[in-house]
Each structure stands twice: as structure tokens, then as C-alpha cells.
Amino acid sequence: MFSKEEAKALRLEFWQRLDNRTRRLPGQKGKKKRWILEDTGVKGLDLRFDVDRQHAIVALEINHRNESRRLELYEKLEACKTLFEENYGKQLNWDFIYEKPNGQTVCRVYTSMPADIYQQDQWPDVLYFLIDNMMCMEKAFMEVKDFLVYRELGL
């Protein structure tokens, strides 16, 4: 088991390695990859990396504070499910109600793999999984974004 300080240092090192790895992606020419993440252009919809003791997750998360708005946005996204998954390249997990460890309820579309952030020997595979799947998630999101924004504006 790790002390709090050791665990914090390992998590920090993991995320720094992810950051460094994105500088070596094709077409980046040594520059940091700019992930969409929280800047999707759709209020209450974020793309997320999540790694803990059980798994690594790449997710599109709908976390709008207003529950009815959150569910409405999820239903609109679900209406594009076939197109979204075709652009992603494989089937994803679709959770209408996903409770995060902090107790917050969100909607999630995600993929995951077994992983433990504290097992450094797993890091190369986890980093590859996160980068590869986030690139696919961004690509799929960009294909449906206009529809979601168009619908969000009520047009």
C-alpha cells in the first residue's frame, strides 16, 4: 500500500506521462495535443479520461445540473447512436444514469478496460488505450455535434 503522498505522486506522474505522450502523436510536431474535453461547445457535455484502481475509462459525459436538460441531451445523443458508434469504430456502453464516486449523477457513453493507476507496468497499455479511444471519441462527437448544438438552440 502507498502513503497518501506516494499515491498522489504516482497519479501526478501518470497524468504527466499522458501529457508527454500526446506530444508524440502523428501531426503534432512536438506540440501538445489539444483535447476537446470540457470545451465541447455543448453546455453540460464533456469528454473525460478516468483512471482508478479498477479501470481506465474514456467517456462522453452529460453532466448538466438540470436533470431534465441532462436527460433531454442524452436522448438526443442516443438518437444518433448508430452514427456515433460507426464513427467511433465499435460499440460503446450507454448509461442513462451513472453515479460517480462523488455521488453526482450523470449520463455517460464510454469504453473501459481493466487497469490500476498504481501499477506502473500497466501504464503503456493504459496510455495507449486512453489516447486511441479519446481520438475516436472526439471524432465521433464531432460528427454529431452540429445536431446537438442545433437541437440545443431549439432551431
Protein backbone atom coordinates (compact mmCIF):
# COMPACT_ATOMS: atom_id res chain seq x y z
CA MET A 1 0.00 0.00 0.00
CA PHE A 2 1.09 3.56 -0.67
CA SER A 3 1.07 6.56 1.62
CA LYS A 4 -1.11 9.49 0.56
CA GLU A 5 1.94 11.34 -0.68
CA GLU A 6 3.22 8.35 -2.68
CA ALA A 7 -0.21 7.75 -4.22
CA LYS A 8 -0.52 11.43 -5.15
CA ALA A 9 2.96 11.42 -6.69
CA LEU A 10 2.14 8.29 -8.76
CA ARG A 11 -1.13 9.80 -10.04
CA LEU A 12 0.66 13.03 -10.94
CA GLU A 13 3.39 11.12 -12.78
CA PHE A 14 0.77 9.11 -14.69
CA TRP A 15 -1.05 12.22 -15.92
CA GLN A 16 2.25 13.91 -16.80
CA ARG A 17 3.21 10.88 -18.88
CA LEU A 18 -0.13 11.09 -20.69
CA ASP A 19 0.53 14.76 -21.37
CA ASN A 20 4.04 13.99 -22.64
CA ARG A 21 2.82 11.11 -24.81
CA THR A 22 0.37 13.40 -26.63
CA ARG A 23 3.32 15.47 -27.87
CA ARG A 24 4.48 12.50 -29.94
CA LEU A 25 1.23 11.89 -31.81
CA PRO A 26 1.40 11.99 -35.61
CA GLY A 27 0.92 15.52 -36.89
CA GLN A 28 1.67 17.16 -33.54
CA LYS A 29 5.31 18.02 -34.38
CA GLY A 30 6.24 18.10 -30.69
CA LYS A 31 3.28 20.27 -29.70
CA LYS A 32 0.83 19.19 -27.04
CA LYS A 33 -2.38 17.63 -28.40
CA ARG A 34 -5.31 19.88 -27.62
CA TRP A 35 -8.11 17.62 -26.45
CA ILE A 36 -11.67 18.95 -26.59
CA LEU A 37 -12.50 17.65 -23.08
CA GLU A 38 -14.50 20.41 -21.30
CA ASP A 39 -14.60 22.74 -24.31
CA THR A 40 -17.05 20.75 -26.44
CA GLY A 41 -19.24 23.72 -27.29
CA VAL A 42 -22.27 21.98 -25.77
CA LYS A 43 -23.17 23.14 -22.26
CA GLY A 44 -23.14 20.27 -19.78
CA LEU A 45 -21.36 17.84 -22.12
CA ASP A 46 -17.70 16.95 -21.53
CA LEU A 47 -15.23 14.33 -22.72
CA ARG A 48 -13.37 12.65 -19.88
CA PHE A 49 -10.39 10.48 -19.03
CA ASP A 50 -10.79 8.50 -15.81
CA VAL A 51 -8.30 6.04 -14.33
CA ASP A 52 -8.56 4.48 -10.89
CA ARG A 53 -7.74 1.19 -9.13
CA GLN A 54 -10.21 -0.87 -11.21
CA HIS A 55 -10.33 0.56 -14.72
CA ALA A 56 -9.43 3.19 -17.28
CA ILE A 57 -12.35 4.98 -18.94
CA VAL A 58 -12.77 7.28 -21.90
CA ALA A 59 -16.23 8.86 -21.73
CA LEU A 60 -18.57 11.38 -23.18
CA GLU A 61 -20.30 12.66 -20.05
CA ILE A 62 -23.51 14.66 -19.86
CA ASN A 63 -23.39 16.40 -16.51
CA HIS A 64 -25.80 19.31 -16.91
CA ARG A 65 -27.09 20.45 -13.49
CA ASN A 66 -30.68 20.47 -14.67
CA GLU A 67 -31.82 16.84 -14.69
CA SER A 68 -34.47 17.27 -17.38
CA ARG A 69 -31.97 19.08 -19.63
CA ARG A 70 -29.38 16.37 -18.96
CA LEU A 71 -31.82 13.59 -19.90
CA GLU A 72 -33.04 15.53 -22.95
CA LEU A 73 -29.47 15.90 -24.20
CA TYR A 74 -28.83 12.19 -23.61
CA GLU A 75 -31.94 11.26 -25.60
CA LYS A 76 -30.78 13.46 -28.49
CA LEU A 77 -27.37 11.82 -28.40
CA GLU A 78 -28.97 8.38 -28.22
CA ALA A 79 -30.97 9.25 -31.35
CA CYS A 80 -27.57 9.49 -33.11
CA LYS A 81 -26.28 6.25 -31.55
CA THR A 82 -25.74 4.37 -34.82
CA LEU A 83 -23.88 7.27 -36.45
CA PHE A 84 -21.88 7.92 -33.27
CA GLU A 85 -20.75 4.30 -32.91
CA GLU A 86 -19.99 3.98 -36.64
CA ASN A 87 -17.66 6.97 -36.39
CA TYR A 88 -16.20 5.70 -33.14
CA GLY A 89 -15.48 2.31 -34.67
CA LYS A 90 -17.09 -0.02 -32.15
CA GLN A 91 -19.99 -0.38 -29.75
CA LEU A 92 -19.90 1.67 -26.58
CA ASN A 93 -21.52 1.45 -23.15
CA TRP A 94 -24.53 3.78 -22.82
CA ASP A 95 -25.54 4.61 -19.23
CA PHE A 96 -28.67 6.71 -18.82
CA ILE A 97 -27.92 7.04 -15.11
CA TYR A 98 -24.32 6.74 -13.96
CA GLU A 99 -23.40 7.58 -10.38
CA LYS A 100 -19.88 8.91 -9.99
CA PRO A 101 -17.84 8.15 -6.84
CA ASN A 102 -18.61 11.67 -5.54
CA GLY A 103 -22.36 10.90 -5.71
CA GLN A 104 -23.07 13.06 -8.77
CA THR A 105 -25.48 11.52 -11.27
CA VAL A 106 -24.56 11.91 -14.93
CA CYS A 107 -25.27 10.24 -18.26
CA ARG A 108 -22.29 8.52 -19.87
CA VAL A 109 -21.29 6.99 -23.15
CA TYR A 110 -17.98 5.24 -22.59
CA THR A 111 -15.48 2.48 -23.13
CA SER A 112 -13.28 0.97 -20.45
CA MET A 113 -10.52 -1.51 -19.77
CA PRO A 114 -9.32 -3.14 -16.54
CA ALA A 115 -6.47 -1.09 -15.09
CA ASP A 116 -4.85 0.08 -11.88
CA ILE A 117 -3.31 3.54 -11.94
CA TYR A 118 -0.80 2.46 -9.27
CA GLN A 119 0.61 -0.41 -11.37
CA GLN A 120 3.29 1.31 -13.44
CA ASP A 121 3.84 -1.79 -15.58
CA GLN A 122 0.28 -1.26 -16.94
CA TRP A 123 0.85 2.38 -17.88
CA PRO A 124 1.99 1.87 -21.51
CA ASP A 125 -1.18 -0.11 -22.31
CA VAL A 126 -3.39 2.30 -20.39
CA LEU A 127 -1.88 5.36 -22.07
CA TYR A 128 -2.33 3.78 -25.50
CA PHE A 129 -5.94 2.91 -24.62
CA LEU A 130 -6.72 6.45 -23.40
CA ILE A 131 -5.16 8.25 -26.37
CA ASP A 132 -6.53 5.92 -29.04
CA ASN A 133 -10.05 5.92 -27.63
CA MET A 134 -10.17 9.67 -26.94
CA MET A 135 -9.21 10.33 -30.55
CA CYS A 136 -12.09 8.08 -31.63
CA MET A 137 -14.46 9.71 -29.11
CA GLU A 138 -13.61 13.20 -30.37
CA LYS A 139 -14.09 12.09 -33.98
CA ALA A 140 -17.50 10.55 -33.21
CA PHE A 141 -18.56 13.59 -31.17
CA MET A 142 -17.63 15.99 -33.97
CA GLU A 143 -19.91 14.07 -36.33
CA VAL A 144 -22.97 14.67 -34.12
CA LYS A 145 -22.04 17.98 -32.50
CA ASP A 146 -23.88 20.17 -35.02
CA PHE A 147 -27.04 18.15 -34.47
CA LEU A 148 -26.73 18.50 -30.68
CA VAL A 149 -25.97 22.24 -30.86
CA TYR A 150 -28.74 22.78 -33.41
CA ARG A 151 -31.20 20.98 -31.16
CA GLU A 152 -29.82 22.74 -28.05
CA LEU A 153 -30.62 26.13 -29.56
CA GLY A 154 -34.15 24.95 -30.28
CA LEU A 155 -33.85 25.53 -34.02
